[in-house]
Amino acid sequence: MVAPARKIATHVLYRVLHDGAWASPSLDAELRRVGPSRADASLATQIVYGTLRVAPELDAAMARHARRPIKVDDWVRAILLAGAFQLLHLQRVPAHAVVHDAVQLATEKRGKRVGGFVNAILRKVALERPEDAAPPRSLAVPTWLHHALVASIGSENVERLLRVDLGAPSIDLRVRTGVDREALAQAILDSQPQASVALTELSPLGLRVAGVGDPRELPGYVQGSFAVQEEGAQLIGLAFGARPGERVLDVCAGRGGKTAQLIEAVGDSGRVTASDLHEHRIEQIAGELRRLRIDPRRLDTACIDWTRGHGTLEGAFDRVLVDAPCTGLGTLRRRPEILLRASAEDAAQMGETQSRILHHAAGMVRPGGSLLYAVCSPLLEEGARVVQETRLPGFEPQDELSSPLKSLCFGSSGRLSLGPWVSGAGPWADAYQLYMWVNVG
């Protein structure tokens, strides 16, 4: 018998490695399917997130005990990574149990020969087990990324960005306009007394919850009282400053997380257009609007490749939001699996894409209207360098702009930086760069 926690963790890590899945929803789905004890669910969660947070270190530890580069399929790699993490970072887990279960999982699907290989590697890793083995408190990132981060935000901010708490990240909820967020917080606590629920400090719309499992099972979800949305994303919608009656364009809308927020902001007299390159994403927006008790008829949609132009869409929007596709490296703490996929060339390539999108989107802003560009990445190649190199004739930075974000405001360059270094940001805050311009004609 393999311990349920190790089997769950291995299946989730395999999905992350093989299918490119996100760890959080994959883990939630596996926990619902298996229905383990609370202790097993906690251990599985610790193994999944801990493994992803220090995967480069685990690979290096295993490589020291192999005669040649380790080349295995994703199932065996998931077994090895999970095993190495437990041996090097979970002191209370018996080494013999870790190795035994890893060998069983390998043998069952890949045969005795592979099981023997797993046994040999992990037994050698076990010899390196430190006496004070403890879960990691910061992410292990490749050298190239660490240098890029330091050059972009400074060593002190990098330390804050890479610092992690134990266990799974918390989840942020955006409470709908007209819903009492304190009452909703109490309802969640009443339904799950073991959960942690707090009001977000920076966003007046947010709740931060932990230990609740699937947020779709929480009170108020079916009634449309809230949307799952990280606080930084909420702040982008608030900084945008959409007002009742305005015509607004959400250029890279995705599945409409901010679109719904904007529809609420412009009210019945306003109009929102959501566009995206991928039609299947746009098609999902209407369903989410209905759940949130928002009439989908208040939304226009358009499938557009903004790197090439604006299609048949006409300009004269009061506000245009470009929440651009990016590397997502600002989400590293909540999504450490990004480290398995990132390369040194990604940021520059994404920056070129962002520049083309921003250039074409600017043509949609009416004279006197506003343009907001945001990326969930702290790197210079995205955000700062894009702003430097993208020509926006007739646009001026909207500096020192007051906003509904308490003490947060856009600086003299039109930039607002968000991240864990901002006072009041949550323990799992993502890092964003925001830039605002006004079309002065």
Protein backbone atom coordinates (compact mmCIF):
# COMPACT_ATOMS: atom_id res chain seq x y z
CA MET A 1 0.00 0.00 0.00
CA VAL A 2 1.24 3.47 -0.93
CA ALA A 3 0.35 6.27 1.48
CA PRO A 4 -2.64 8.22 0.06
CA ALA A 5 -0.86 11.57 0.41
CA ARG A 6 2.11 10.42 -1.71
CA LYS A 7 -0.12 8.91 -4.36
CA ILE A 8 -2.21 12.09 -4.59
CA ALA A 9 0.86 14.34 -4.74
CA THR A 10 2.50 12.21 -7.44
CA HIS A 11 -0.62 12.26 -9.62
CA VAL A 12 -0.88 16.04 -9.31
CA LEU A 13 2.81 16.61 -10.07
CA TYR A 14 2.52 14.32 -13.07
CA ARG A 15 -0.35 16.42 -14.43
CA VAL A 16 1.70 19.58 -13.93
CA LEU A 17 4.72 18.09 -15.70
CA HIS A 18 2.98 16.14 -18.45
CA ASP A 19 -0.15 18.15 -19.22
CA GLY A 20 1.02 21.65 -18.29
CA ALA A 21 -1.79 21.80 -15.72
CA TRP A 22 -1.93 24.34 -12.90
CA ALA A 23 -1.20 22.81 -9.52
CA SER A 24 -3.99 24.43 -7.50
CA PRO A 25 -7.04 23.24 -9.50
CA SER A 26 -5.38 19.88 -10.19
CA LEU A 27 -4.79 19.32 -6.48
CA ASP A 28 -8.32 20.40 -5.58
CA ALA A 29 -9.75 17.99 -8.17
CA GLU A 30 -7.62 15.08 -6.94
CA LEU A 31 -8.54 15.73 -3.31
CA ARG A 32 -12.23 15.75 -4.21
CA ARG A 33 -11.85 12.54 -6.19
CA VAL A 34 -9.97 10.62 -3.48
CA GLY A 35 -11.56 12.14 -0.38
CA PRO A 36 -8.54 11.59 1.93
CA SER A 37 -8.33 12.32 5.63
CA ARG A 38 -7.46 15.86 6.66
CA ALA A 39 -3.94 14.75 7.61
CA ASP A 40 -3.37 13.10 4.22
CA ALA A 41 -4.79 16.11 2.37
CA SER A 42 -2.45 18.40 4.33
CA LEU A 43 0.60 16.26 3.58
CA ALA A 44 -0.29 15.95 -0.11
CA THR A 45 -0.65 19.72 -0.33
CA GLN A 46 2.70 20.25 1.38
CA ILE A 47 4.43 17.82 -0.97
CA VAL A 48 2.95 19.34 -4.15
CA TYR A 49 3.68 22.97 -3.36
CA GLY A 50 6.98 22.28 -1.63
CA THR A 51 8.25 20.22 -4.54
CA LEU A 52 7.38 22.89 -7.09
CA ARG A 53 8.93 25.64 -4.98
CA VAL A 54 12.37 24.04 -4.94
CA ALA A 55 12.34 21.83 -8.04
CA PRO A 56 15.70 23.16 -9.34
CA GLU A 57 17.39 22.25 -6.04
CA LEU A 58 15.81 18.79 -6.07
CA ASP A 59 16.99 18.16 -9.63
CA ALA A 60 20.52 19.18 -8.64
CA ALA A 61 20.48 16.92 -5.58
CA MET A 62 19.45 13.91 -7.65
CA ALA A 63 21.91 14.70 -10.44
CA ARG A 64 24.79 14.44 -7.96
CA HIS A 65 24.01 10.75 -7.56
CA ALA A 66 23.58 9.76 -11.19
CA ARG A 67 26.39 8.64 -13.45
CA ARG A 68 24.82 10.40 -16.42
CA PRO A 69 22.04 13.01 -16.87
CA ILE A 70 18.74 11.68 -15.55
CA LYS A 71 16.38 11.11 -18.46
CA VAL A 72 13.04 9.72 -17.35
CA ASP A 73 9.42 10.22 -18.36
CA ASP A 74 7.16 12.65 -16.52
CA TRP A 75 5.62 9.98 -14.27
CA VAL A 76 8.98 8.86 -12.96
CA ARG A 77 10.19 12.45 -12.66
CA ALA A 78 7.13 13.29 -10.55
CA ILE A 79 7.95 10.33 -8.27
CA LEU A 80 11.60 11.35 -7.95
CA LEU A 81 10.87 15.02 -7.29
CA ALA A 82 8.24 14.27 -4.65
CA GLY A 83 10.51 11.74 -3.00
CA ALA A 84 13.53 14.03 -2.96
CA PHE A 85 11.45 16.85 -1.50
CA GLN A 86 10.22 14.71 1.38
CA LEU A 87 13.69 13.40 2.13
CA LEU A 88 15.34 16.82 2.13
CA HIS A 89 12.59 19.00 3.59
CA LEU A 90 10.17 16.95 5.73
CA GLN A 91 12.01 15.78 8.81
CA ARG A 92 9.13 13.88 10.41
CA VAL A 93 8.50 11.70 7.36
CA PRO A 94 10.46 8.41 7.68
CA ALA A 95 13.00 8.03 4.89
CA HIS A 96 12.31 4.32 4.46
CA ALA A 97 8.59 5.04 3.92
CA VAL A 98 9.34 7.69 1.29
CA VAL A 99 11.67 5.40 -0.66
CA HIS A 100 9.34 2.39 -0.35
CA ASP A 101 6.32 4.27 -1.69
CA ALA A 102 8.30 5.85 -4.51
CA VAL A 103 9.59 2.45 -5.61
CA GLN A 104 6.06 1.01 -5.47
CA LEU A 105 4.65 3.82 -7.60
CA ALA A 106 7.42 3.42 -10.15
CA THR A 107 7.25 -0.38 -10.28
CA GLU A 108 3.46 -0.48 -10.68
CA LYS A 109 3.52 1.57 -13.89
CA ARG A 110 7.06 1.26 -15.24
CA GLY A 111 8.30 -2.12 -14.02
CA LYS A 112 10.96 -3.42 -11.62
CA ARG A 113 13.92 -2.02 -13.54
CA VAL A 114 12.66 1.54 -13.20
CA GLY A 115 11.67 0.84 -9.62
CA GLY A 116 15.26 -0.19 -8.94
CA PHE A 117 16.56 3.03 -10.48
CA VAL A 118 14.23 5.13 -8.30
CA ASN A 119 15.35 3.14 -5.26
CA ALA A 120 19.04 3.76 -6.01
CA ILE A 121 18.65 7.52 -6.54
CA LEU A 122 16.45 8.22 -3.54
CA ARG A 123 18.52 6.10 -1.14
CA LYS A 124 21.54 8.20 -2.03
CA VAL A 125 19.55 11.43 -1.65
CA ALA A 126 18.42 10.21 1.77
CA LEU A 127 22.06 10.14 2.89
CA GLU A 128 22.13 13.93 2.40
CA ARG A 129 19.12 14.48 4.63
CA PRO A 130 19.92 17.40 6.96
CA GLU A 131 19.25 17.03 10.66
CA ASP A 132 17.19 20.22 10.64
CA ALA A 133 15.23 19.39 7.47
CA ALA A 134 12.40 21.89 7.10
CA PRO A 135 9.93 23.01 4.44
CA PRO A 136 11.30 25.79 2.21
CA ARG A 137 10.50 29.38 3.14
CA SER A 138 11.51 30.81 -0.23
CA LEU A 139 11.41 29.77 -3.87
CA ALA A 140 14.46 28.31 -5.58
CA VAL A 141 14.76 30.04 -8.96
CA PRO A 142 17.24 29.58 -11.80
CA THR A 143 20.30 31.84 -11.72
CA TRP A 144 19.24 33.72 -14.87
CA LEU A 145 15.87 34.57 -13.32
CA HIS A 146 17.36 35.69 -10.02
CA HIS A 147 19.69 38.08 -11.86
CA ALA A 148 16.80 39.41 -13.97
CA LEU A 149 14.65 39.97 -10.91
CA VAL A 150 17.38 41.81 -9.02
CA ALA A 151 18.04 44.04 -12.03
CA SER A 152 14.32 44.80 -12.25
CA ILE A 153 13.16 45.36 -8.66
CA GLY A 154 16.25 45.21 -6.43
CA SER A 155 17.48 42.50 -4.08
CA GLU A 156 15.26 43.46 -1.15
CA ASN A 157 12.08 43.26 -3.19
CA VAL A 158 13.26 40.01 -4.77
CA GLU A 159 13.62 38.51 -1.31
CA ARG A 160 10.03 39.48 -0.53
CA LEU A 161 8.77 38.19 -3.86
CA LEU A 162 10.37 34.77 -3.38
CA ARG A 163 9.38 34.36 0.27
CA VAL A 164 6.58 31.84 0.89
CA ASP A 165 4.52 30.65 3.82
CA LEU A 166 3.98 26.96 4.48
CA GLY A 167 1.14 25.12 2.79
CA ALA A 168 -1.12 26.27 0.00
CA PRO A 169 -1.58 29.94 -0.95
CA SER A 170 -4.69 31.72 0.23
CA ILE A 171 -7.48 32.56 -2.21
CA ASP A 172 -8.83 36.06 -2.82
CA LEU A 173 -12.48 36.73 -3.57
CA ARG A 174 -13.94 39.91 -5.08
CA VAL A 175 -17.28 40.68 -3.49
CA ARG A 176 -19.91 42.04 -5.85
CA THR A 177 -21.13 45.61 -5.58
CA GLY A 178 -24.07 45.72 -3.20
CA VAL A 179 -23.02 42.62 -1.24
CA ASP A 180 -21.95 43.13 2.38
CA ARG A 181 -18.45 41.62 2.44
CA GLU A 182 -18.34 41.40 6.25
CA ALA A 183 -21.61 39.48 6.25
CA LEU A 184 -20.28 37.20 3.51
CA ALA A 185 -17.08 36.64 5.50
CA GLN A 186 -19.15 35.60 8.51
CA ALA A 187 -21.27 33.27 6.40
CA ILE A 188 -18.10 31.54 5.14
CA LEU A 189 -16.80 31.16 8.70
CA ASP A 190 -20.14 29.80 9.88
CA SER A 191 -20.05 27.15 7.15
CA GLN A 192 -16.36 26.29 7.66
CA PRO A 193 -15.23 27.15 11.21
CA GLN A 194 -11.74 25.83 10.51
CA ALA A 195 -11.20 28.33 7.68
CA SER A 196 -9.33 31.62 7.81
CA VAL A 197 -11.21 34.64 6.43
CA ALA A 198 -10.01 38.26 6.38
CA LEU A 199 -10.86 41.51 4.62
CA THR A 200 -8.22 42.58 2.10
CA GLU A 201 -6.51 45.83 3.09
CA LEU A 202 -5.84 47.39 -0.30
CA SER A 203 -8.95 46.38 -2.20
CA PRO A 204 -12.25 47.47 -0.63
CA LEU A 205 -13.92 44.62 -2.52
CA GLY A 206 -11.81 41.67 -1.37
CA LEU A 207 -11.90 38.75 1.02
CA ARG A 208 -8.87 36.55 1.66
CA VAL A 209 -9.72 32.95 2.53
CA ALA A 210 -7.60 29.91 3.39
CA GLY A 211 -8.42 26.33 4.28
CA VAL A 212 -11.75 26.39 2.43
CA GLY A 213 -11.09 23.90 -0.37
CA ASP A 214 -13.04 24.52 -3.58
CA PRO A 215 -14.37 28.13 -3.50
CA ARG A 216 -17.32 27.00 -5.63
CA GLU A 217 -18.62 25.21 -2.54
CA LEU A 218 -18.65 28.37 -0.42
CA PRO A 219 -21.82 30.21 0.61
CA GLY A 220 -22.68 32.87 -1.93
CA TYR A 221 -20.99 31.31 -4.94
CA VAL A 222 -24.15 29.97 -6.56
CA GLN A 223 -25.94 33.22 -5.71
CA GLY A 224 -23.21 35.22 -7.49
CA SER A 225 -22.10 37.11 -4.39
CA PHE A 226 -18.42 36.93 -5.34
CA ALA A 227 -15.89 36.08 -8.01
CA VAL A 228 -12.54 34.40 -7.42
CA GLN A 229 -10.01 37.12 -8.19
CA GLU A 230 -6.58 37.84 -6.70
CA GLU A 231 -6.35 41.19 -4.92
CA GLY A 232 -3.84 42.64 -7.38
CA ALA A 233 -6.21 41.92 -10.27
CA GLN A 234 -8.98 43.66 -8.32
CA LEU A 235 -6.70 46.67 -7.91
CA ILE A 236 -6.14 46.88 -11.66
CA GLY A 237 -9.89 47.15 -12.16
CA LEU A 238 -10.14 49.81 -9.47
CA ALA A 239 -7.14 51.80 -10.73
CA PHE A 240 -8.74 51.81 -14.18
CA GLY A 241 -11.34 54.15 -12.70
CA ALA A 242 -14.28 53.29 -14.96
CA ARG A 243 -17.34 55.42 -14.20
CA PRO A 244 -21.07 55.08 -14.78
CA GLY A 245 -22.08 55.77 -18.36
CA GLU A 246 -18.64 55.26 -19.91
CA ARG A 247 -17.80 53.17 -22.95
CA VAL A 248 -14.97 50.80 -21.97
CA LEU A 249 -12.80 48.31 -23.88
CA ASP A 250 -11.16 45.31 -22.21
CA VAL A 251 -8.57 44.37 -24.84
CA CYS A 252 -7.19 41.08 -23.47
CA ALA A 253 -10.25 39.97 -21.55
CA GLY A 254 -9.50 36.25 -21.29
CA ARG A 255 -12.41 34.63 -19.44
CA GLY A 256 -13.66 37.97 -18.19
CA GLY A 257 -12.38 38.27 -14.63
CA LYS A 258 -12.03 42.04 -14.92
CA THR A 259 -14.79 42.39 -17.51
CA ALA A 260 -17.46 41.68 -14.92
CA GLN A 261 -15.87 44.20 -12.57
CA LEU A 262 -15.94 46.84 -15.32
CA ILE A 263 -19.57 46.17 -16.19
CA GLU A 264 -20.49 46.80 -12.58
CA ALA A 265 -18.47 50.04 -12.62
CA VAL A 266 -20.07 51.56 -15.75
CA GLY A 267 -23.59 50.66 -14.65
CA ASP A 268 -26.70 50.32 -16.76
CA SER A 269 -25.91 53.50 -18.71
CA GLY A 270 -22.42 52.35 -19.72
CA ARG A 271 -21.14 49.73 -22.14
CA VAL A 272 -18.23 47.28 -22.02
CA THR A 273 -16.61 45.52 -24.97
CA ALA A 274 -14.49 42.46 -24.21
CA SER A 275 -12.06 41.16 -26.79
CA ASP A 276 -9.50 38.38 -26.89
CA LEU A 277 -7.51 36.37 -29.39
CA HIS A 278 -9.18 33.13 -28.29
CA GLU A 279 -12.88 32.89 -29.04
CA HIS A 280 -13.52 30.02 -26.60
CA ARG A 281 -12.45 32.28 -23.73
CA ILE A 282 -14.82 35.05 -24.73
CA GLU A 283 -17.65 32.54 -24.99
CA GLN A 284 -17.24 31.68 -21.31
CA ILE A 285 -17.81 35.25 -20.12
CA ALA A 286 -21.58 35.22 -20.52
CA GLY A 287 -21.97 32.23 -18.21
CA GLU A 288 -19.93 33.90 -15.49
CA LEU A 289 -21.93 37.09 -15.87
CA ARG A 290 -25.17 35.17 -15.41
CA ARG A 291 -23.82 33.54 -12.25
CA LEU A 292 -22.91 37.00 -10.95
CA ARG A 293 -26.46 38.19 -11.70
CA ILE A 294 -25.22 40.52 -14.45
CA ASP A 295 -27.19 40.72 -17.69
CA PRO A 296 -24.89 39.43 -20.50
CA ARG A 297 -26.68 41.80 -22.91
CA ARG A 298 -24.73 44.63 -21.28
CA LEU A 299 -21.58 43.21 -22.91
CA ASP A 300 -20.24 43.34 -26.48
CA THR A 301 -17.54 40.90 -27.57
CA ALA A 302 -14.99 40.73 -30.37
CA CYS A 303 -12.38 38.13 -31.28
CA ILE A 304 -9.29 40.13 -32.33
CA ASP A 305 -5.58 39.50 -32.76
CA TRP A 306 -4.34 42.78 -31.31
CA THR A 307 -0.77 42.11 -32.43
CA ARG A 308 -2.01 42.70 -36.00
CA GLY A 309 -4.62 45.43 -35.57
CA HIS A 310 -8.08 46.19 -34.20
CA GLY A 311 -10.14 44.23 -36.70
CA THR A 312 -13.47 45.90 -37.46
CA LEU A 313 -13.79 47.44 -34.01
CA GLU A 314 -14.36 51.19 -33.98
CA GLY A 315 -12.54 53.52 -31.59
CA ALA A 316 -13.75 56.38 -29.37
CA PHE A 317 -13.73 54.45 -26.09
CA ASP A 318 -13.58 56.46 -22.88
CA ARG A 319 -11.19 53.96 -21.35
CA VAL A 320 -9.14 51.09 -22.76
CA LEU A 321 -7.62 48.38 -20.56
CA VAL A 322 -4.68 46.32 -21.83
CA ASP A 323 -4.06 43.60 -19.25
CA ALA A 324 -1.47 42.14 -21.57
CA PRO A 325 -0.36 38.52 -21.97
CA CYS A 326 2.93 38.09 -20.11
CA THR A 327 5.24 35.56 -18.51
CA GLY A 328 3.18 35.61 -15.32
CA LEU A 329 6.37 35.67 -13.26
CA GLY A 330 4.66 37.99 -10.81
CA THR A 331 2.54 35.02 -9.71
CA LEU A 332 5.51 32.76 -8.85
CA ARG A 333 4.58 32.31 -5.22
CA ARG A 334 1.04 31.16 -6.00
CA ARG A 335 2.06 29.31 -9.16
CA PRO A 336 5.57 27.94 -8.62
CA GLU A 337 5.03 25.51 -11.50
CA ILE A 338 5.87 28.45 -13.80
CA LEU A 339 9.49 27.81 -12.84
CA LEU A 340 9.33 24.49 -14.69
CA ARG A 341 8.37 26.22 -17.92
CA ALA A 342 10.13 29.60 -17.89
CA SER A 343 13.17 30.38 -20.03
CA ALA A 344 15.51 33.37 -20.21
CA GLU A 345 14.11 34.43 -23.60
CA ASP A 346 10.44 34.52 -22.60
CA ALA A 347 10.25 38.04 -21.16
CA ALA A 348 11.78 39.75 -24.20
CA GLN A 349 9.49 37.82 -26.54
CA MET A 350 6.42 38.69 -24.48
CA GLY A 351 7.54 42.31 -24.37
CA GLU A 352 7.49 42.48 -28.17
CA THR A 353 3.97 41.06 -28.18
CA GLN A 354 2.84 43.54 -25.53
CA SER A 355 4.26 46.45 -27.51
CA ARG A 356 2.31 45.54 -30.63
CA ILE A 357 -0.91 45.09 -28.65
CA LEU A 358 -0.44 48.38 -26.80
CA HIS A 359 0.23 50.28 -30.04
CA HIS A 360 -2.97 49.07 -31.70
CA ALA A 361 -5.10 49.40 -28.56
CA ALA A 362 -4.10 53.06 -28.14
CA GLY A 363 -5.93 53.84 -31.37
CA MET A 364 -9.20 52.93 -29.67
CA VAL A 365 -8.98 55.72 -27.06
CA ARG A 366 -10.99 58.88 -27.70
CA PRO A 367 -9.38 62.28 -27.13
CA GLY A 368 -9.41 62.89 -23.41
CA GLY A 369 -9.80 59.18 -22.72
CA SER A 370 -7.49 56.92 -20.69
CA LEU A 371 -5.30 53.94 -21.52
CA LEU A 372 -4.19 51.50 -18.81
CA TYR A 373 -1.51 48.89 -19.51
CA ALA A 374 -0.81 46.17 -16.93
CA VAL A 375 1.35 43.06 -16.73
CA CYS A 376 1.67 40.48 -13.96
CA SER A 377 5.45 40.47 -14.17
CA PRO A 378 8.12 42.54 -12.39
CA LEU A 379 10.72 42.18 -15.14
CA LEU A 380 12.11 45.17 -17.04
CA GLU A 381 11.67 43.43 -20.41
CA GLU A 382 7.94 43.52 -19.76
CA GLY A 383 6.28 46.70 -18.59
CA ALA A 384 9.07 49.26 -18.17
CA ARG A 385 10.97 48.54 -21.39
CA VAL A 386 7.77 48.17 -23.40
CA VAL A 387 6.69 51.63 -22.25
CA GLN A 388 10.09 53.07 -23.20
CA GLU A 389 10.09 51.57 -26.67
CA THR A 390 6.42 51.85 -27.71
CA ARG A 391 5.52 55.09 -29.48
CA LEU A 392 2.17 56.48 -28.35
CA PRO A 393 1.81 59.86 -30.14
CA GLY A 394 -0.62 62.17 -28.38
CA PHE A 395 -0.53 60.27 -25.10
CA GLU A 396 0.87 61.64 -21.85
CA PRO A 397 1.48 59.79 -18.57
CA GLN A 398 -1.35 60.30 -16.12
CA ASP A 399 0.98 60.93 -13.22
CA GLU A 400 0.20 61.50 -9.54
CA LEU A 401 -3.32 60.28 -10.24
CA SER A 402 -5.42 59.83 -7.14
CA SER A 403 -7.29 56.53 -7.07
CA PRO A 404 -9.62 54.50 -4.87
CA LEU A 405 -6.57 52.48 -3.76
CA LYS A 406 -5.94 54.29 -0.49
CA SER A 407 -2.28 55.39 -0.49
CA LEU A 408 -1.47 53.93 -3.92
CA CYS A 409 -1.07 56.29 -6.85
CA PHE A 410 0.65 56.50 -10.24
CA GLY A 411 4.09 58.11 -10.15
CA SER A 412 5.60 60.77 -12.39
CA SER A 413 6.22 58.24 -15.16
CA GLY A 414 2.62 57.07 -15.04
CA ARG A 415 3.70 53.88 -13.29
CA LEU A 416 2.19 52.07 -10.33
CA SER A 417 3.97 48.97 -9.01
CA LEU A 418 2.13 46.36 -6.95
CA GLY A 419 3.66 43.47 -5.07
CA PRO A 420 4.43 41.96 -1.68
CA TRP A 421 6.61 44.98 -0.86
CA VAL A 422 3.54 47.27 -0.83
CA SER A 423 2.26 48.01 2.67
CA GLY A 424 -1.03 46.22 3.21
CA ALA A 425 -0.51 43.64 0.47
CA GLY A 426 -1.44 40.10 1.42
CA PRO A 427 1.03 37.31 2.21
CA TRP A 428 0.65 35.87 -1.29
CA ALA A 429 0.43 39.14 -3.25
CA ASP A 430 1.34 38.98 -6.93
CA ALA A 431 3.67 41.51 -8.56
CA TYR A 432 2.25 43.86 -11.21
CA GLN A 433 3.34 46.84 -13.26
CA LEU A 434 0.63 49.34 -14.22
CA TYR A 435 0.95 52.36 -16.54
CA MET A 436 -1.73 54.96 -17.25
CA TRP A 437 -1.89 57.54 -20.05
CA VAL A 438 -4.39 60.11 -21.20
CA ASN A 439 -5.01 60.85 -24.89
CA VAL A 440 -4.38 64.59 -25.15
CA GLY A 441 -4.83 64.49 -28.94
